[in-house]
Protein backbone atom coordinates (compact mmCIF):
# COMPACT_ATOMS: atom_id res chain seq x y z
CA MET A 1 -29.34 -10.64 -6.57
CA GLU A 2 -27.84 -9.98 -2.98
CA ASP A 3 -26.39 -13.39 -2.72
CA VAL A 4 -24.16 -12.46 -5.68
CA ILE A 5 -22.90 -8.75 -4.91
CA GLU A 6 -22.20 -10.48 -1.13
CA THR A 7 -19.90 -13.44 -2.43
CA TYR A 8 -17.87 -10.92 -4.64
CA HIS A 9 -17.26 -9.22 -1.40
CA LEU A 10 -15.75 -12.09 0.58
CA PRO A 11 -12.19 -11.85 1.77
CA TYR A 12 -9.96 -14.60 -0.69
CA ASP A 13 -9.73 -18.11 0.08
CA GLU A 14 -7.55 -20.42 -2.00
CA ARG A 15 -9.34 -23.07 -0.19
CA PHE A 16 -12.60 -21.95 -1.21
CA PRO A 17 -11.84 -19.61 -4.61
CA LEU A 18 -14.61 -17.51 -6.15
CA VAL A 19 -14.62 -18.27 -9.74
CA CYS A 20 -17.73 -16.81 -12.32
CA MET A 21 -18.36 -18.53 -15.38
CA ASP A 22 -20.70 -17.95 -18.27
CA GLU A 23 -21.10 -19.38 -21.86
CA SER A 24 -21.31 -17.65 -25.49
CA CYS A 25 -20.75 -18.76 -29.25
CA LYS A 26 -19.28 -17.18 -32.06
CA GLN A 27 -20.40 -17.92 -35.92
CA LEU A 28 -17.48 -19.78 -37.96
CA VAL A 29 -17.03 -18.25 -41.54
CA GLY A 30 -15.07 -18.68 -43.84
CA GLU A 31 -14.15 -16.27 -46.97
CA VAL A 32 -15.43 -17.79 -50.81
CA ALA A 33 -12.71 -15.14 -52.05
CA PRO A 34 -9.01 -14.87 -51.72
CA GLU A 35 -7.89 -11.56 -49.12
CA MET A 36 -6.18 -8.67 -50.74
CA ALA A 37 -3.19 -7.47 -48.87
CA MET A 38 -2.39 -4.11 -47.52
CA ALA A 39 -0.25 -1.73 -50.17
CA PRO A 40 0.81 1.39 -50.30
CA GLY A 41 -2.46 3.45 -51.23
CA ARG A 42 -4.61 0.46 -50.83
CA PRO A 43 -6.54 -0.96 -47.52
CA HIS A 44 -6.72 -4.27 -47.12
CA ARG A 45 -9.57 -5.55 -48.64
CA ILE A 46 -12.63 -8.34 -47.82
CA ASP A 47 -15.13 -9.77 -49.87
CA HIS A 48 -18.32 -9.06 -48.50
CA GLU A 49 -19.26 -12.56 -49.60
CA TYR A 50 -18.68 -15.60 -46.64
CA VAL A 51 -19.29 -19.04 -45.78
CA ARG A 52 -20.65 -20.34 -42.76
CA HIS A 53 -18.66 -23.35 -41.11
CA GLY A 54 -21.20 -23.80 -38.41
CA VAL A 55 -21.36 -22.36 -34.42
CA ALA A 56 -18.75 -22.72 -31.92
CA GLU A 57 -19.71 -22.58 -27.76
CA ILE A 58 -17.44 -20.78 -25.99
CA PHE A 59 -16.91 -21.96 -22.07
CA LEU A 60 -15.08 -19.16 -19.73
CA GLU A 61 -14.62 -19.21 -16.31
CA VAL A 62 -12.54 -16.20 -14.44
CA GLU A 63 -11.49 -15.93 -10.54
CA PRO A 64 -12.18 -11.84 -10.20
CA LEU A 65 -9.74 -11.80 -6.97
CA THR A 66 -6.78 -12.73 -8.96
CA GLY A 67 -7.46 -11.93 -12.28
CA ARG A 68 -7.18 -15.95 -13.46
CA ARG A 69 -8.96 -17.02 -17.02
CA HIS A 70 -9.83 -20.17 -18.93
CA VAL A 71 -11.50 -20.23 -22.23
CA GLN A 72 -11.95 -23.30 -24.56
CA ALA A 73 -14.56 -23.64 -27.21
CA GLY A 74 -16.31 -27.09 -28.42
CA GLU A 75 -18.94 -28.11 -31.17
CA ASN A 76 -21.63 -28.19 -28.42
CA ARG A 77 -23.17 -26.89 -25.47
CA THR A 78 -25.29 -29.96 -23.65
CA ARG A 79 -25.46 -30.89 -20.03
CA ARG A 80 -22.68 -33.09 -20.85
CA ASP A 81 -20.35 -30.31 -21.99
CA TRP A 82 -21.29 -28.02 -18.84
CA ALA A 83 -20.33 -31.15 -16.79
CA LEU A 84 -17.29 -32.23 -18.26
CA PHE A 85 -15.65 -28.49 -18.20
CA ILE A 86 -16.88 -28.19 -14.42
CA ARG A 87 -15.04 -31.34 -13.81
CA ALA A 88 -11.83 -30.38 -15.39
CA MET A 89 -12.33 -26.70 -13.67
CA LEU A 90 -12.48 -28.41 -10.14
CA ASP A 91 -9.76 -31.68 -10.66
CA GLU A 92 -7.23 -29.62 -12.84
CA ARG A 93 -7.35 -26.03 -12.23
CA TYR A 94 -8.61 -25.92 -8.85
CA PRO A 95 -7.46 -28.93 -7.07
CA GLN A 96 -6.73 -27.66 -4.02
CA ALA A 97 -10.02 -26.04 -3.74
CA ILE A 98 -12.16 -27.19 -0.77
CA LYS A 99 -15.07 -26.09 -2.56
CA VAL A 100 -15.58 -23.86 -5.50
CA ARG A 101 -18.17 -20.52 -4.96
CA LEU A 102 -19.51 -20.50 -8.52
CA VAL A 103 -21.69 -17.73 -10.10
CA LEU A 104 -23.40 -18.39 -12.79
CA ASP A 105 -26.67 -17.69 -14.46
CA ASN A 106 -29.49 -20.19 -13.84
CA LEU A 107 -29.71 -21.52 -17.67
CA ASN A 108 -31.28 -25.13 -17.32
CA THR A 109 -27.82 -27.07 -18.12
CA HIS A 110 -26.00 -25.24 -15.15
CA THR A 111 -27.00 -27.80 -12.30
CA THR A 112 -26.03 -30.82 -10.39
CA ALA A 113 -28.45 -32.91 -12.54
CA SER A 114 -26.28 -32.48 -15.42
CA LEU A 115 -23.67 -33.82 -13.64
CA TYR A 116 -25.70 -36.83 -12.64
CA GLU A 117 -26.51 -37.53 -16.48
CA THR A 118 -23.04 -37.57 -16.98
CA PHE A 119 -21.38 -39.03 -14.67
CA PRO A 120 -21.74 -42.38 -12.51
CA PRO A 121 -23.46 -41.30 -8.97
CA SER A 122 -20.40 -41.48 -6.75
CA GLU A 123 -18.57 -39.01 -9.15
CA ALA A 124 -21.30 -36.78 -9.64
CA ARG A 125 -21.88 -36.34 -5.76
CA ARG A 126 -17.62 -36.06 -5.03
CA LEU A 127 -17.77 -32.67 -7.62
CA ALA A 128 -21.26 -31.59 -6.40
CA GLU A 129 -19.97 -31.68 -3.01
CA ARG A 130 -17.35 -29.43 -4.00
CA LEU A 131 -19.86 -26.56 -5.71
CA GLU A 132 -21.07 -23.85 -3.66
CA PHE A 133 -23.65 -22.19 -6.76
CA HIS A 134 -24.52 -18.51 -6.24
CA TYR A 135 -27.02 -17.94 -9.48
CA THR A 136 -27.57 -14.33 -11.11
CA PRO A 137 -31.38 -13.64 -11.00
CA LYS A 138 -33.14 -13.62 -14.19
CA HIS A 139 -32.45 -10.56 -16.31
CA GLY A 140 -29.51 -9.81 -13.99
CA SER A 141 -26.62 -11.31 -16.18
CA TRP A 142 -25.07 -8.30 -15.80
CA LEU A 143 -24.07 -9.40 -12.29
CA ASN A 144 -22.14 -12.27 -13.67
CA VAL A 145 -17.95 -11.04 -14.17
CA ALA A 146 -18.03 -13.55 -16.51
CA GLU A 147 -20.21 -11.89 -18.66
CA ILE A 148 -18.01 -8.46 -19.04
CA GLU A 149 -14.94 -11.14 -19.92
CA LEU A 150 -16.85 -12.73 -22.94
CA SER A 151 -17.20 -8.91 -24.08
CA ALA A 152 -13.58 -8.35 -23.63
CA LEU A 153 -12.95 -11.44 -25.69
CA ALA A 154 -15.37 -10.58 -28.54
CA SER A 155 -13.63 -7.40 -28.86
CA GLN A 156 -10.20 -8.22 -28.47
CA CYS A 157 -10.04 -11.34 -30.01
CA LEU A 158 -13.31 -12.44 -31.84
CA ASP A 159 -14.15 -9.55 -33.51
CA ARG A 160 -13.13 -10.91 -37.47
CA ARG A 161 -13.70 -13.74 -39.60
CA ILE A 162 -12.48 -17.22 -38.09
CA ALA A 163 -13.19 -20.07 -40.43
CA SER A 164 -12.61 -23.19 -38.11
CA LEU A 165 -12.69 -24.82 -34.53
CA ASP A 166 -8.87 -24.78 -34.47
CA LEU A 167 -8.38 -21.45 -35.24
CA LEU A 168 -10.83 -20.18 -32.86
CA ASN A 169 -8.90 -22.33 -30.23
CA GLN A 170 -5.66 -20.78 -30.83
CA GLU A 171 -7.27 -17.00 -30.71
CA ILE A 172 -8.67 -18.21 -27.96
CA ASN A 173 -5.69 -19.80 -25.93
CA ALA A 174 -3.40 -16.55 -27.23
CA TRP A 175 -5.66 -13.98 -25.93
CA GLN A 176 -6.02 -16.34 -22.46
CA VAL A 177 -2.05 -16.48 -22.33
CA HIS A 178 -1.96 -12.61 -23.13
CA ARG A 179 -4.15 -11.95 -19.74
CA ASN A 180 -2.82 -14.50 -17.57
CA ASN A 181 0.35 -12.87 -17.82
CA ARG A 182 -1.06 -9.54 -16.99
CA PRO A 183 -2.81 -10.76 -14.17
CA ASN A 184 -4.82 -8.06 -12.98
CA ALA A 185 -8.21 -8.38 -10.23
CA ILE A 186 -11.14 -7.32 -10.82
CA ASP A 187 -12.37 -4.75 -8.43
CA TRP A 188 -16.18 -4.96 -7.37
CA GLN A 189 -17.62 -2.31 -5.69
CA PHE A 190 -21.02 -2.48 -6.06
CA THR A 191 -22.64 -2.99 -2.83
CA THR A 192 -26.07 -4.25 -1.56
CA SER A 193 -26.75 -1.02 0.71
CA GLU A 194 -26.30 0.53 -3.17
CA ALA A 195 -28.64 -2.22 -4.65
CA ARG A 196 -31.42 -1.39 -2.27
CA ILE A 197 -31.31 2.32 -3.31
CA LYS A 198 -30.70 1.95 -7.26
CA LEU A 199 -32.51 -0.94 -8.03
CA LYS A 200 -35.24 -0.69 -5.47
CA ARG A 201 -37.72 -1.32 -8.31
CA LEU A 202 -36.46 -4.42 -8.30
CA TYR A 203 -37.54 -5.45 -4.48
CA PRO A 204 -41.10 -6.35 -3.47
CA ASN A 205 -43.23 -4.46 -2.35
CA LEU A 206 -44.62 -5.04 1.04
């Protein structure tokens, strides 16, 4: 826990950017009956029946000190999917970085092993050397800023029925562009000293 908190208080360095990432899912749901448009004296109506079209997996990364975000949705959440997301992050979105300080939860796919299972050893090693992992503790995912961003995405963009993966990515991209055009740094204020007082029960009894 203290490792993540201290990482949040490091000064900005574009050579060693701090990036938080997390994953979520969205059930794809379509309509059975046509929607009824709003009219004078009549609200917009949606039939309570729906049809399921599977589940989409959402990957999100956010750089707290710049307010820069990237979100994408796909069909799966395997080791390979995570590894491909990380390679794109390093090579496309942070090509100038010497090493990315990555805050993430300790899901079993979030390891260098996923890189080695996806890419040849030389490529996996190249990517691993550009990552500095900072894992949130068990039951401590609230320490991950990306989880807060996923909550904002869910309430601002995904709080309705979305029938297809293509439409989901369109909606996510529009939200992402809107957020990135109005970048606001995330001011993390919780300190290690406060954690030792407020979360004393989480520390070992010596």
